[in-house]
Amino acid sequence: MSLAYFVRRMVFAALALAALMTSAFILVRLTGDPVNLYLPVDASDAAREAMRGRLGLDRSLLTQFFDWAGDMLRLDFGMSLWHNRPAMDVVLEALPNTLALGAIALTLAFVAAIVVGSIAAVNAGGWIDRGINVLSQAAASVPDFWLGLMGVLLFAVTFRLLPTSGFGGPVYWVLPVACLFARPFGTLVQIVRGSMIEALNATFVRTARAKGARSKRVIFVHALRNALLPVVTVTGDLAAQFAGGGGVVEVVFGFPGIGKLLIDGILKRDFAIVQASIFAVAVVIFIINILVDMLYASIDPRVRVE
């Protein structure tokens, strides 16, 4: 990866981030006046104006924007109304939980999909392939919220094997990971299967077999390496989605991640939390995209990012 490429990506990312944060600044203010949410209904006009002044909402929108932009450049998003703490501190506490949850689910999905998709490709057209197709399509189609609710009903309420919600030891991670695992697993199995079938029918694979290479080496060395390119691309897209947190899954299980924090911030009109969350997620997505480009180039030496 050349320095020119990296600088170019940085410039594009900065422009995209500026546009995103400007949109976030405008859109969060369309959700309503937080003063109406945090003060009693019978609060006096003087109390309302005092709170607006304290929050800086009594100034013109343009003045608010320039003040906010200057603070953002210093990574200062202000105080959270709900948590009464610096918003970025709250976000940085929730973000690692989401990244860990997504990394575990996606890693398991990636490894399982490689194995299951390869088995389906080797047995293309057979009953094993058809069974895996049905399973993967069902996994890719099932809604996260439904799977989460069914998991709670079955494993937490009926059998009492796992907690319904919360955060703590490994048992609190099982259901959220399982819910986030299903869709990427189903999607990646389909991608691996299609890529592997194409690779197994390629000329270089037939040549390797003609030279007497063992079947396992042909499948997992020659074919799989070339079949991984589209899989890495799709996995990178899924990782970027997970960076924003499985909002619905985190809400269902009361998991303290960035997705739940963002949804709570919107509902509570906590502008600082919403804007800090969006900023943090956008930066993580940019980093993930750079890492995927690097991994793509390492898998296929013919690929060069300049």
Protein backbone atom coordinates (compact mmCIF):
# COMPACT_ATOMS: atom_id res chain seq x y z
CA MET A 1 0.00 0.00 0.00
CA SER A 2 1.63 3.20 -1.18
CA LEU A 3 1.78 6.41 0.81
CA ALA A 4 -0.08 8.26 -1.97
CA TYR A 5 -2.97 5.78 -1.71
CA PHE A 6 -3.13 6.16 2.05
CA VAL A 7 -3.12 9.98 1.84
CA ARG A 8 -5.83 9.89 -0.82
CA ARG A 9 -7.99 7.64 1.34
CA MET A 10 -7.44 9.92 4.32
CA VAL A 11 -8.58 12.96 2.34
CA PHE A 12 -11.69 11.20 1.05
CA ALA A 13 -12.46 9.88 4.53
CA ALA A 14 -12.11 13.36 6.05
CA LEU A 15 -14.50 14.83 3.46
CA ALA A 16 -17.00 12.01 3.98
CA LEU A 17 -16.74 12.39 7.74
CA ALA A 18 -17.33 16.15 7.50
CA ALA A 19 -20.44 15.60 5.36
CA LEU A 20 -21.70 12.87 7.69
CA MET A 21 -21.23 14.90 10.86
CA THR A 22 -22.87 17.97 9.29
CA SER A 23 -25.88 15.82 8.41
CA ALA A 24 -25.92 14.41 11.93
CA PHE A 25 -25.81 17.91 13.42
CA ILE A 26 -28.88 18.92 11.41
CA LEU A 27 -30.86 15.70 11.76
CA VAL A 28 -30.54 15.34 15.54
CA ARG A 29 -32.03 18.80 15.96
CA LEU A 30 -35.06 17.69 13.95
CA THR A 31 -35.91 15.14 16.66
CA GLY A 32 -37.22 17.92 18.90
CA ASP A 33 -36.23 20.21 21.73
CA PRO A 34 -34.51 18.27 24.54
CA VAL A 35 -35.74 20.91 27.02
CA ASN A 36 -39.29 19.58 26.56
CA LEU A 37 -38.09 16.09 27.46
CA TYR A 38 -35.96 16.89 30.50
CA LEU A 39 -38.10 19.52 32.20
CA PRO A 40 -41.54 18.91 33.70
CA VAL A 41 -44.58 19.78 31.62
CA ASP A 42 -45.47 22.59 34.02
CA ALA A 43 -41.96 24.12 34.02
CA SER A 44 -41.96 27.88 33.70
CA ASP A 45 -40.84 29.69 30.55
CA ALA A 46 -37.94 31.15 32.52
CA ALA A 47 -36.72 27.66 33.46
CA ARG A 48 -36.99 26.53 29.85
CA GLU A 49 -35.07 29.52 28.55
CA ALA A 50 -32.41 29.05 31.23
CA MET A 51 -31.87 25.43 30.19
CA ARG A 52 -31.75 26.37 26.50
CA GLY A 53 -29.14 28.98 27.33
CA ARG A 54 -27.09 26.45 29.30
CA LEU A 55 -27.21 24.04 26.35
CA GLY A 56 -26.48 26.76 23.82
CA LEU A 57 -29.80 26.19 22.04
CA ASP A 58 -30.83 29.83 22.36
CA ARG A 59 -28.32 30.87 19.70
CA SER A 60 -28.87 30.77 15.94
CA LEU A 61 -28.39 27.43 14.19
CA LEU A 62 -25.42 28.77 12.24
CA THR A 63 -23.69 29.95 15.42
CA GLN A 64 -24.36 26.59 17.06
CA PHE A 65 -22.89 24.81 14.04
CA PHE A 66 -19.60 26.73 14.00
CA ASP A 67 -19.18 26.37 17.76
CA TRP A 68 -19.92 22.65 17.51
CA ALA A 69 -17.53 22.21 14.55
CA GLY A 70 -14.70 23.88 16.46
CA ASP A 71 -15.31 21.67 19.49
CA MET A 72 -15.49 18.55 17.28
CA LEU A 73 -12.04 19.23 15.88
CA ARG A 74 -10.81 18.92 19.48
CA LEU A 75 -12.90 15.73 19.89
CA ASP A 76 -15.06 17.59 22.40
CA PHE A 77 -18.71 16.71 21.83
CA GLY A 78 -19.91 18.25 25.04
CA MET A 79 -21.65 16.82 28.09
CA SER A 80 -24.22 14.07 27.83
CA LEU A 81 -27.58 15.25 29.15
CA TRP A 82 -28.58 11.77 30.26
CA HIS A 83 -25.27 10.57 31.71
CA ASN A 84 -24.04 13.98 32.90
CA ARG A 85 -20.54 13.09 31.70
CA PRO A 86 -18.44 13.97 28.64
CA ALA A 87 -20.16 12.27 25.72
CA MET A 88 -16.96 10.87 24.20
CA ASP A 89 -16.06 9.18 27.50
CA VAL A 90 -19.42 7.39 27.50
CA VAL A 91 -19.00 6.38 23.85
CA LEU A 92 -15.48 5.04 24.40
CA GLU A 93 -16.80 2.84 27.21
CA ALA A 94 -19.50 1.31 24.99
CA LEU A 95 -17.52 0.98 21.75
CA PRO A 96 -15.14 -1.83 22.89
CA ASN A 97 -18.14 -3.95 23.90
CA THR A 98 -19.65 -3.63 20.43
CA LEU A 99 -16.32 -4.29 18.69
CA ALA A 100 -15.72 -7.39 20.80
CA LEU A 101 -19.25 -8.67 20.20
CA GLY A 102 -19.01 -8.11 16.45
CA ALA A 103 -15.49 -9.55 16.20
CA ILE A 104 -16.47 -12.77 17.99
CA ALA A 105 -19.65 -13.26 15.94
CA LEU A 106 -18.00 -12.43 12.61
CA THR A 107 -14.90 -14.56 13.26
CA LEU A 108 -17.04 -17.57 14.13
CA ALA A 109 -19.24 -16.94 11.08
CA PHE A 110 -16.21 -16.59 8.78
CA VAL A 111 -14.52 -19.80 9.97
CA ALA A 112 -17.76 -21.81 9.96
CA ALA A 113 -18.72 -20.50 6.52
CA ILE A 114 -15.33 -21.48 5.05
CA VAL A 115 -15.77 -25.05 6.25
CA VAL A 116 -19.48 -25.45 5.46
CA GLY A 117 -19.28 -23.60 2.13
CA SER A 118 -16.32 -25.72 1.02
CA ILE A 119 -18.19 -28.91 1.91
CA ALA A 120 -21.17 -27.72 -0.14
CA ALA A 121 -18.92 -26.88 -3.13
CA VAL A 122 -17.16 -30.27 -3.07
CA ASN A 123 -20.56 -31.97 -3.00
CA ALA A 124 -22.22 -29.57 -5.48
CA GLY A 125 -25.58 -30.85 -6.68
CA GLY A 126 -25.82 -33.55 -4.01
CA TRP A 127 -28.13 -33.81 -1.01
CA ILE A 128 -25.47 -32.35 1.29
CA ASP A 129 -25.20 -29.29 -0.95
CA ARG A 130 -28.99 -28.87 -1.06
CA GLY A 131 -29.27 -29.18 2.72
CA ILE A 132 -26.54 -26.59 3.28
CA ASN A 133 -28.24 -24.27 0.78
CA VAL A 134 -31.51 -24.43 2.69
CA LEU A 135 -29.74 -23.89 6.02
CA SER A 136 -27.65 -20.95 4.80
CA GLN A 137 -30.55 -19.21 3.09
CA ALA A 138 -32.66 -19.55 6.23
CA ALA A 139 -29.83 -18.16 8.38
CA ALA A 140 -29.27 -15.24 6.00
CA SER A 141 -32.98 -14.38 5.96
CA VAL A 142 -34.00 -14.64 9.61
CA PRO A 143 -34.54 -11.23 11.29
CA ASP A 144 -32.15 -10.51 14.15
CA PHE A 145 -34.90 -9.29 16.49
CA TRP A 146 -37.01 -12.43 15.94
CA LEU A 147 -34.04 -14.72 16.50
CA GLY A 148 -33.19 -12.78 19.67
CA LEU A 149 -36.71 -12.99 21.04
CA MET A 150 -36.94 -16.73 20.24
CA GLY A 151 -33.56 -17.27 21.90
CA VAL A 152 -34.74 -15.52 25.06
CA LEU A 153 -38.02 -17.45 25.07
CA LEU A 154 -36.36 -20.83 24.52
CA PHE A 155 -33.04 -20.71 26.37
CA ALA A 156 -33.74 -18.10 29.05
CA VAL A 157 -37.44 -18.40 29.89
CA THR A 158 -38.26 -22.04 29.05
CA PHE A 159 -35.04 -23.91 29.88
CA ARG A 160 -33.46 -21.21 32.11
CA LEU A 161 -30.00 -21.97 30.72
CA LEU A 162 -28.97 -18.41 29.88
CA PRO A 163 -29.78 -14.93 31.23
CA THR A 164 -32.42 -12.89 29.44
CA SER A 165 -30.32 -9.72 29.34
CA GLY A 166 -27.50 -7.83 30.99
CA PHE A 167 -23.75 -7.79 30.82
CA GLY A 168 -21.15 -9.79 32.70
CA GLY A 169 -19.52 -13.19 32.29
CA PRO A 170 -19.40 -15.39 29.17
CA VAL A 171 -23.01 -16.57 29.57
CA TYR A 172 -24.24 -13.04 28.85
CA TRP A 173 -22.51 -13.11 25.46
CA VAL A 174 -23.91 -16.40 24.15
CA LEU A 175 -27.30 -15.24 22.88
CA PRO A 176 -26.14 -11.89 21.43
CA VAL A 177 -23.26 -13.62 19.61
CA ALA A 178 -25.58 -16.34 18.30
CA CYS A 179 -28.03 -13.74 16.95
CA LEU A 180 -25.30 -11.75 15.21
CA PHE A 181 -23.68 -14.97 13.93
CA ALA A 182 -26.64 -16.23 11.90
CA ARG A 183 -26.98 -13.69 9.09
CA PRO A 184 -23.28 -13.32 8.16
CA PHE A 185 -22.87 -17.09 8.38
CA GLY A 186 -25.68 -17.68 5.89
CA THR A 187 -24.43 -14.95 3.56
CA LEU A 188 -20.80 -16.09 3.64
CA VAL A 189 -21.69 -19.74 3.08
CA GLN A 190 -23.37 -18.76 -0.18
CA ILE A 191 -20.36 -16.67 -1.23
CA VAL A 192 -17.83 -19.39 -0.31
CA ARG A 193 -19.85 -22.08 -2.09
CA GLY A 194 -20.13 -20.11 -5.33
CA SER A 195 -16.48 -19.05 -5.31
CA MET A 196 -15.25 -22.54 -4.49
CA ILE A 197 -17.29 -24.16 -7.27
CA GLU A 198 -15.79 -21.69 -9.73
CA ALA A 199 -12.27 -22.24 -8.37
CA LEU A 200 -12.57 -26.04 -8.39
CA ASN A 201 -13.45 -25.93 -12.07
CA ALA A 202 -10.57 -23.61 -12.93
CA THR A 203 -7.66 -24.72 -15.12
CA PHE A 204 -5.02 -24.42 -12.39
CA VAL A 205 -6.99 -26.78 -10.13
CA ARG A 206 -7.36 -29.37 -12.88
CA THR A 207 -3.64 -29.07 -13.54
CA ALA A 208 -2.85 -29.62 -9.83
CA ARG A 209 -5.04 -32.73 -9.80
CA ALA A 210 -3.41 -34.03 -12.98
CA LYS A 211 -0.01 -33.68 -11.28
CA GLY A 212 -1.23 -35.92 -8.47
CA ALA A 213 -1.83 -33.33 -5.74
CA ARG A 214 -3.83 -34.64 -2.82
CA SER A 215 -7.52 -33.76 -2.75
CA LYS A 216 -7.29 -31.83 0.55
CA ARG A 217 -4.37 -29.77 -0.74
CA VAL A 218 -6.25 -28.98 -3.95
CA ILE A 219 -9.32 -27.84 -2.03
CA PHE A 220 -7.80 -25.96 0.89
CA VAL A 221 -4.63 -24.58 -0.73
CA HIS A 222 -5.13 -24.10 -4.45
CA ALA A 223 -8.89 -23.52 -4.67
CA LEU A 224 -9.63 -21.88 -1.33
CA ARG A 225 -6.93 -19.22 -1.62
CA ASN A 226 -8.43 -17.93 -4.86
CA ALA A 227 -12.01 -18.32 -3.61
CA LEU A 228 -11.29 -16.11 -0.59
CA LEU A 229 -11.13 -12.84 -2.52
CA PRO A 230 -14.90 -12.18 -2.76
CA VAL A 231 -15.34 -13.63 0.73
CA VAL A 232 -12.92 -11.06 2.18
CA THR A 233 -14.77 -8.25 0.40
CA VAL A 234 -18.15 -9.30 1.80
CA THR A 235 -16.67 -9.91 5.25
CA GLY A 236 -15.26 -6.38 5.23
CA ASP A 237 -18.71 -4.99 4.45
CA LEU A 238 -20.21 -7.06 7.27
CA ALA A 239 -17.50 -5.89 9.67
CA ALA A 240 -18.31 -2.28 8.81
CA GLN A 241 -21.98 -2.97 9.57
CA PHE A 242 -21.08 -4.57 12.90
CA ALA A 243 -18.98 -1.53 13.83
CA GLY A 244 -22.21 0.40 14.17
CA GLY A 245 -23.43 -2.18 16.61
CA GLY A 246 -26.24 -4.65 16.27
CA GLY A 247 -28.62 -2.00 17.57
CA VAL A 248 -31.69 -4.22 17.72
CA VAL A 249 -29.78 -7.16 19.21
CA GLU A 250 -28.12 -4.94 21.82
CA VAL A 251 -31.50 -3.47 22.79
CA VAL A 252 -33.16 -6.91 23.00
CA PHE A 253 -30.46 -8.22 25.34
CA GLY A 254 -29.71 -4.98 27.17
CA PHE A 255 -26.12 -5.22 25.94
CA PRO A 256 -24.18 -2.00 26.68
CA GLY A 257 -22.77 -1.40 23.22
CA ILE A 258 -22.61 1.53 20.84
CA GLY A 259 -25.80 0.50 19.02
CA LYS A 260 -27.91 0.57 22.17
CA LEU A 261 -26.23 3.78 23.29
CA LEU A 262 -27.02 5.45 19.96
CA ILE A 263 -30.67 4.37 20.05
CA ASP A 264 -31.02 5.53 23.66
CA GLY A 265 -29.38 8.82 22.74
CA ILE A 266 -31.89 9.40 19.94
CA LEU A 267 -34.85 8.56 22.17
CA LYS A 268 -33.56 10.81 24.95
CA ARG A 269 -32.57 13.60 22.50
CA ASP A 270 -29.04 13.50 23.85
CA PHE A 271 -27.40 15.34 20.97
CA ALA A 272 -23.87 14.95 22.32
CA ILE A 273 -24.15 11.16 22.65
CA VAL A 274 -25.66 10.75 19.18
CA GLN A 275 -23.01 12.87 17.48
CA ALA A 276 -20.10 11.32 19.38
CA SER A 277 -21.40 7.81 18.60
CA ILE A 278 -21.71 8.55 14.89
CA PHE A 279 -18.21 10.02 14.82
CA ALA A 280 -16.65 7.03 16.58
CA VAL A 281 -18.42 4.50 14.34
CA ALA A 282 -17.42 6.37 11.18
CA VAL A 283 -13.74 6.36 12.20
CA VAL A 284 -13.86 2.63 12.95
CA ILE A 285 -15.47 1.91 9.57
CA PHE A 286 -12.71 3.87 7.82
CA ILE A 287 -10.03 1.84 9.64
CA ILE A 288 -11.80 -1.43 8.76
CA ASN A 289 -11.91 -0.48 5.07
CA ILE A 290 -8.16 0.22 5.07
CA LEU A 291 -7.44 -3.12 6.75
CA VAL A 292 -9.63 -4.97 4.23
CA ASP A 293 -7.72 -3.36 1.36
CA MET A 294 -4.44 -4.48 2.91
CA LEU A 295 -5.72 -8.02 3.47
CA TYR A 296 -7.06 -8.19 -0.07
CA ALA A 297 -3.66 -7.25 -1.46
CA SER A 298 -1.90 -9.83 0.73
CA ILE A 299 -4.20 -12.64 -0.44
CA ASP A 300 -3.82 -11.83 -4.13
CA PRO A 301 -0.37 -10.46 -5.06
CA ARG A 302 -1.83 -9.31 -8.38
CA VAL A 303 -3.87 -6.71 -6.49
CA ARG A 304 -2.03 -3.48 -5.84
CA VAL A 305 -3.53 -0.41 -4.19
CA GLU A 306 -1.71 2.70 -5.33
